[in-house]
Structures are given as structure tokens and as C-alpha cells.
Amino acid sequence: MALTRDFKRTVLARVQADRKFRNALLKEGIETMLAGDVDSGKAILRDYIKATVGFERLGVETGLVPKSLIRMFGPTGNPQARNLFSVISHLQRRAGLTLHVTARS
């Protein structure tokens, strides 16, 4: 199901105004990818990037080409692990977060 523009604007406003929500969105995107749903995780991270740093600035800050970043987090993107983890690491530092993987049985 496609998201409406009003919904996307609502999420954007919430991300910009609510630090807890913003941090939860970053965490959810990463956890979703780790759980095996890479496409949904990329979509969540794409929305997070758009609402926070933006692809142009992220490209400057990471040394990656903004158009490559946009493709990487797009529906058909297939990011290299090095680039993906570089971006995730940068987003965590920028947010002041350190996320850890915990094994559960």
C-alpha cells in the first residue's frame, strides 16, 4: 500500500519535532533489516534520512555520491555492505545513539 503525501508530511513533522520518535525510527529501520526484511528497513531508513539529514548532506558527510545513496535506499537498491554500514554508523553518530545487537533465544 502506498503512503499518502499527508501521511509522509505528518511523519516528517513528527521526526523533526520529536527526538524519541526520530530515534525510534532509526532503530526500527536497522532492526527491520537485521530481521531479514531488507526492503522495508531500507524504506524506513530512506524516510529517516529525508526527514533528518537529507541525501545531499549525507553524501557530503559520508563521502558517498548523493544519487548513489538515493538508489541504495530505493526499492530496487542493492547496497554494498561497506556503504550500508558506513551510512548506519554515521546516522547513529549524528543522532548521538549507539545501537547494539542482542541475541535472543
N, C-alpha and C. Protein backbone atom coordinates (compact mmCIF):
# COMPACT_ATOMS: atom_id res chain seq x y z
N MET A 1 0.85 -1.18 0.00
CA MET A 1 0.00 0.00 0.00
C MET A 1 0.89 1.24 0.00
N ALA A 2 0.65 2.15 -0.90
CA ALA A 2 1.42 3.39 -0.99
C ALA A 2 1.00 4.36 0.11
N LEU A 3 1.96 5.09 0.61
CA LEU A 3 1.68 6.09 1.63
C LEU A 3 1.24 7.39 0.96
N THR A 4 0.29 8.06 1.56
CA THR A 4 -0.17 9.33 1.01
C THR A 4 0.80 10.44 1.37
N ARG A 5 0.74 11.53 0.63
CA ARG A 5 1.60 12.67 0.93
C ARG A 5 1.30 13.24 2.30
N ASP A 6 0.03 13.27 2.69
CA ASP A 6 -0.32 13.79 4.01
C ASP A 6 0.32 12.96 5.11
N PHE A 7 0.31 11.64 4.94
CA PHE A 7 0.93 10.77 5.94
C PHE A 7 2.44 11.04 6.00
N LYS A 8 3.08 11.14 4.84
CA LYS A 8 4.52 11.39 4.81
C LYS A 8 4.85 12.74 5.43
N ARG A 9 4.03 13.74 5.19
CA ARG A 9 4.26 15.06 5.82
C ARG A 9 4.09 14.97 7.33
N THR A 10 3.13 14.18 7.77
CA THR A 10 2.90 14.01 9.20
C THR A 10 4.11 13.34 9.85
N VAL A 11 4.62 12.30 9.21
CA VAL A 11 5.81 11.61 9.74
C VAL A 11 6.99 12.57 9.75
N LEU A 12 7.19 13.32 8.67
CA LEU A 12 8.28 14.28 8.59
C LEU A 12 8.21 15.28 9.74
N ALA A 13 7.04 15.83 9.97
CA ALA A 13 6.88 16.81 11.05
C ALA A 13 7.16 16.17 12.40
N ARG A 14 6.71 14.96 12.60
CA ARG A 14 6.93 14.27 13.88
C ARG A 14 8.41 13.97 14.09
N VAL A 15 9.08 13.53 13.05
CA VAL A 15 10.52 13.23 13.15
C VAL A 15 11.29 14.50 13.52
N GLN A 16 10.94 15.60 12.92
CA GLN A 16 11.66 16.84 13.18
C GLN A 16 11.35 17.42 14.55
N ALA A 17 10.18 17.12 15.09
CA ALA A 17 9.78 17.71 16.37
C ALA A 17 10.01 16.81 17.58
N ASP A 18 10.12 15.51 17.37
CA ASP A 18 10.13 14.57 18.49
C ASP A 18 11.37 13.68 18.44
N ARG A 19 12.34 13.97 19.29
CA ARG A 19 13.60 13.23 19.29
C ARG A 19 13.39 11.74 19.56
N LYS A 20 12.51 11.39 20.49
CA LYS A 20 12.26 9.97 20.80
C LYS A 20 11.72 9.24 19.57
N PHE A 21 10.80 9.87 18.89
CA PHE A 21 10.23 9.27 17.67
C PHE A 21 11.31 9.12 16.61
N ARG A 22 12.12 10.16 16.44
CA ARG A 22 13.21 10.15 15.46
C ARG A 22 14.17 9.00 15.74
N ASN A 23 14.57 8.85 16.99
CA ASN A 23 15.49 7.77 17.37
C ASN A 23 14.84 6.41 17.19
N ALA A 24 13.56 6.31 17.50
CA ALA A 24 12.84 5.03 17.34
C ALA A 24 12.75 4.65 15.86
N LEU A 25 12.60 5.63 14.99
CA LEU A 25 12.52 5.34 13.56
C LEU A 25 13.85 4.80 13.04
N LEU A 26 14.95 5.39 13.48
CA LEU A 26 16.27 4.90 13.09
C LEU A 26 16.47 3.47 13.59
N LYS A 27 16.14 3.25 14.84
CA LYS A 27 16.28 1.91 15.44
C LYS A 27 15.41 0.89 14.70
N GLU A 28 14.18 1.27 14.39
CA GLU A 28 13.26 0.36 13.69
C GLU A 28 13.78 -0.01 12.30
N GLY A 29 14.32 0.96 11.58
CA GLY A 29 14.86 0.68 10.26
C GLY A 29 15.99 -0.34 10.31
N ILE A 30 16.88 -0.16 11.27
CA ILE A 30 18.02 -1.08 11.39
C ILE A 30 17.55 -2.45 11.86
N GLU A 31 16.67 -2.49 12.86
CA GLU A 31 16.17 -3.77 13.36
C GLU A 31 15.40 -4.53 12.29
N THR A 32 14.65 -3.82 11.48
CA THR A 32 13.89 -4.45 10.41
C THR A 32 14.82 -5.11 9.40
N MET A 33 15.90 -4.42 9.06
CA MET A 33 16.88 -5.01 8.14
C MET A 33 17.54 -6.24 8.76
N LEU A 34 17.91 -6.15 10.03
CA LEU A 34 18.56 -7.27 10.70
C LEU A 34 17.63 -8.48 10.82
N ALA A 35 16.32 -8.22 10.87
CA ALA A 35 15.34 -9.30 10.96
C ALA A 35 15.11 -9.96 9.60
N GLY A 36 15.72 -9.41 8.54
CA GLY A 36 15.61 -10.03 7.23
C GLY A 36 14.71 -9.33 6.25
N ASP A 37 14.00 -8.30 6.68
CA ASP A 37 13.13 -7.55 5.77
C ASP A 37 13.89 -6.32 5.29
N VAL A 38 14.83 -6.57 4.38
CA VAL A 38 15.73 -5.52 3.93
C VAL A 38 14.98 -4.40 3.21
N ASP A 39 14.01 -4.74 2.39
CA ASP A 39 13.28 -3.72 1.63
C ASP A 39 12.53 -2.76 2.55
N SER A 40 11.85 -3.29 3.55
CA SER A 40 11.13 -2.42 4.50
C SER A 40 12.11 -1.60 5.33
N GLY A 41 13.21 -2.22 5.73
CA GLY A 41 14.22 -1.50 6.51
C GLY A 41 14.81 -0.35 5.71
N LYS A 42 15.10 -0.58 4.43
CA LYS A 42 15.62 0.49 3.58
C LYS A 42 14.60 1.62 3.45
N ALA A 43 13.33 1.26 3.31
CA ALA A 43 12.28 2.28 3.17
C ALA A 43 12.19 3.14 4.44
N ILE A 44 12.28 2.50 5.59
CA ILE A 44 12.24 3.24 6.86
C ILE A 44 13.45 4.16 6.96
N LEU A 45 14.62 3.64 6.63
CA LEU A 45 15.83 4.47 6.69
C LEU A 45 15.79 5.59 5.66
N ARG A 46 15.22 5.34 4.49
CA ARG A 46 15.07 6.38 3.48
C ARG A 46 14.21 7.52 4.02
N ASP A 47 13.09 7.18 4.67
CA ASP A 47 12.24 8.21 5.26
C ASP A 47 12.97 8.95 6.38
N TYR A 48 13.75 8.21 7.16
CA TYR A 48 14.51 8.83 8.25
C TYR A 48 15.53 9.82 7.68
N ILE A 49 16.25 9.40 6.65
CA ILE A 49 17.26 10.27 6.04
C ILE A 49 16.61 11.52 5.46
N LYS A 50 15.52 11.35 4.73
CA LYS A 50 14.81 12.50 4.15
C LYS A 50 14.37 13.49 5.22
N ALA A 51 13.93 12.96 6.36
CA ALA A 51 13.38 13.82 7.42
C ALA A 51 14.45 14.44 8.30
N THR A 52 15.67 13.93 8.24
CA THR A 52 16.71 14.45 9.12
C THR A 52 17.81 15.14 8.32
N VAL A 53 18.78 14.41 7.89
CA VAL A 53 19.96 14.98 7.26
C VAL A 53 19.77 15.29 5.78
N GLY A 54 18.98 14.51 5.07
CA GLY A 54 18.81 14.66 3.63
C GLY A 54 19.95 13.96 2.89
N PHE A 55 19.67 13.54 1.67
CA PHE A 55 20.65 12.77 0.91
C PHE A 55 21.85 13.61 0.45
N GLU A 56 21.62 14.87 0.13
CA GLU A 56 22.73 15.73 -0.31
C GLU A 56 23.76 15.88 0.80
N ARG A 57 23.29 16.24 1.97
CA ARG A 57 24.21 16.45 3.11
C ARG A 57 24.83 15.13 3.56
N LEU A 58 24.04 14.07 3.57
CA LEU A 58 24.58 12.76 3.94
C LEU A 58 25.72 12.37 3.00
N GLY A 59 25.56 12.67 1.73
CA GLY A 59 26.61 12.39 0.77
C GLY A 59 27.88 13.16 1.09
N VAL A 60 27.75 14.43 1.41
CA VAL A 60 28.91 15.24 1.78
C VAL A 60 29.57 14.68 3.04
N GLU A 61 28.77 14.34 4.03
CA GLU A 61 29.29 13.89 5.32
C GLU A 61 29.91 12.50 5.28
N THR A 62 29.46 11.65 4.35
CA THR A 62 29.98 10.29 4.27
C THR A 62 30.96 10.08 3.12
N GLY A 63 31.03 11.05 2.22
CA GLY A 63 31.90 10.90 1.06
C GLY A 63 31.29 10.02 -0.03
N LEU A 64 30.00 9.75 0.08
CA LEU A 64 29.30 8.95 -0.94
C LEU A 64 28.48 9.88 -1.83
N VAL A 65 28.30 9.49 -3.06
CA VAL A 65 27.54 10.30 -4.02
C VAL A 65 26.06 10.28 -3.64
N PRO A 66 25.44 11.46 -3.49
CA PRO A 66 24.02 11.50 -3.10
C PRO A 66 23.10 10.67 -3.98
N LYS A 67 23.31 10.69 -5.31
CA LYS A 67 22.46 9.88 -6.20
C LYS A 67 22.63 8.40 -5.91
N SER A 68 23.84 7.98 -5.57
CA SER A 68 24.08 6.58 -5.22
C SER A 68 23.36 6.24 -3.91
N LEU A 69 23.36 7.17 -2.97
CA LEU A 69 22.64 6.95 -1.71
C LEU A 69 21.14 6.81 -1.95
N ILE A 70 20.61 7.66 -2.81
CA ILE A 70 19.18 7.59 -3.13
C ILE A 70 18.84 6.24 -3.75
N ARG A 71 19.66 5.79 -4.69
CA ARG A 71 19.44 4.47 -5.31
C ARG A 71 19.60 3.36 -4.28
N MET A 72 20.61 3.49 -3.44
CA MET A 72 20.91 2.47 -2.44
C MET A 72 19.71 2.20 -1.53
N PHE A 73 19.01 3.27 -1.13
CA PHE A 73 17.86 3.11 -0.24
C PHE A 73 16.53 3.06 -0.99
N GLY A 74 16.59 3.03 -2.31
CA GLY A 74 15.38 2.91 -3.12
C GLY A 74 14.89 1.48 -3.17
N PRO A 75 13.71 1.26 -3.73
CA PRO A 75 13.09 -0.06 -3.76
C PRO A 75 13.91 -1.14 -4.46
N THR A 76 14.68 -0.76 -5.46
CA THR A 76 15.48 -1.76 -6.18
C THR A 76 16.96 -1.69 -5.81
N GLY A 77 17.31 -0.84 -4.87
CA GLY A 77 18.70 -0.69 -4.46
C GLY A 77 19.26 -1.94 -3.82
N ASN A 78 20.53 -2.19 -4.09
CA ASN A 78 21.21 -3.35 -3.53
C ASN A 78 22.56 -2.85 -2.98
N PRO A 79 22.53 -2.22 -1.80
CA PRO A 79 23.75 -1.58 -1.30
C PRO A 79 24.84 -2.58 -0.93
N GLN A 80 26.07 -2.16 -1.16
CA GLN A 80 27.20 -2.94 -0.67
C GLN A 80 27.22 -2.81 0.85
N ALA A 81 27.61 -3.87 1.51
CA ALA A 81 27.64 -3.87 2.97
C ALA A 81 28.50 -2.73 3.50
N ARG A 82 29.64 -2.48 2.88
CA ARG A 82 30.55 -1.42 3.33
C ARG A 82 29.84 -0.07 3.34
N ASN A 83 29.12 0.24 2.27
CA ASN A 83 28.41 1.52 2.18
C ASN A 83 27.23 1.57 3.15
N LEU A 84 26.49 0.49 3.23
CA LEU A 84 25.33 0.45 4.13
C LEU A 84 25.75 0.66 5.58
N PHE A 85 26.76 -0.07 6.02
CA PHE A 85 27.20 0.06 7.41
C PHE A 85 27.88 1.39 7.67
N SER A 86 28.52 1.95 6.67
CA SER A 86 29.09 3.28 6.81
C SER A 86 27.99 4.31 7.07
N VAL A 87 26.90 4.22 6.31
CA VAL A 87 25.78 5.14 6.48
C VAL A 87 25.12 4.93 7.84
N ILE A 88 24.87 3.67 8.21
CA ILE A 88 24.23 3.39 9.50
C ILE A 88 25.09 3.91 10.64
N SER A 89 26.39 3.69 10.57
CA SER A 89 27.30 4.19 11.60
C SER A 89 27.23 5.71 11.69
N HIS A 90 27.23 6.35 10.53
CA HIS A 90 27.17 7.81 10.51
C HIS A 90 25.85 8.32 11.10
N LEU A 91 24.74 7.69 10.72
CA LEU A 91 23.44 8.13 11.24
C LEU A 91 23.37 7.97 12.76
N GLN A 92 23.94 6.90 13.28
CA GLN A 92 23.96 6.71 14.73
C GLN A 92 24.76 7.83 15.41
N ARG A 93 25.95 8.09 14.90
CA ARG A 93 26.79 9.15 15.49
C ARG A 93 26.07 10.49 15.43
N ARG A 94 25.47 10.78 14.29
CA ARG A 94 24.77 12.05 14.10
C ARG A 94 23.60 12.20 15.08
N ALA A 95 22.95 11.07 15.38
CA ALA A 95 21.81 11.07 16.31
C ALA A 95 22.24 10.99 17.77
N GLY A 96 23.52 10.71 17.99
CA GLY A 96 24.01 10.55 19.36
C GLY A 96 23.58 9.22 19.97
N LEU A 97 23.42 8.23 19.12
CA LEU A 97 22.98 6.90 19.57
C LEU A 97 24.08 5.87 19.35
N THR A 98 24.05 4.84 20.15
CA THR A 98 24.86 3.66 19.92
C THR A 98 23.94 2.48 20.05
N LEU A 99 23.64 1.84 18.93
CA LEU A 99 22.74 0.69 18.93
C LEU A 99 23.58 -0.58 19.01
N HIS A 100 23.07 -1.56 19.73
CA HIS A 100 23.76 -2.83 19.91
C HIS A 100 22.85 -3.98 19.50
N VAL A 101 23.46 -5.02 18.98
CA VAL A 101 22.72 -6.23 18.64
C VAL A 101 22.76 -7.15 19.84
N THR A 102 21.60 -7.66 20.22
CA THR A 102 21.50 -8.59 21.34
C THR A 102 20.85 -9.87 20.86
N ALA A 103 21.49 -11.00 21.15
CA ALA A 103 20.93 -12.30 20.75
C ALA A 103 19.83 -12.70 21.72
N ARG A 104 18.74 -13.18 21.16
CA ARG A 104 17.63 -13.70 21.96
C ARG A 104 17.32 -15.11 21.49
N SER A 105 16.96 -15.94 22.44
CA SER A 105 16.61 -17.30 22.02
C SER A 105 15.17 -17.60 22.35
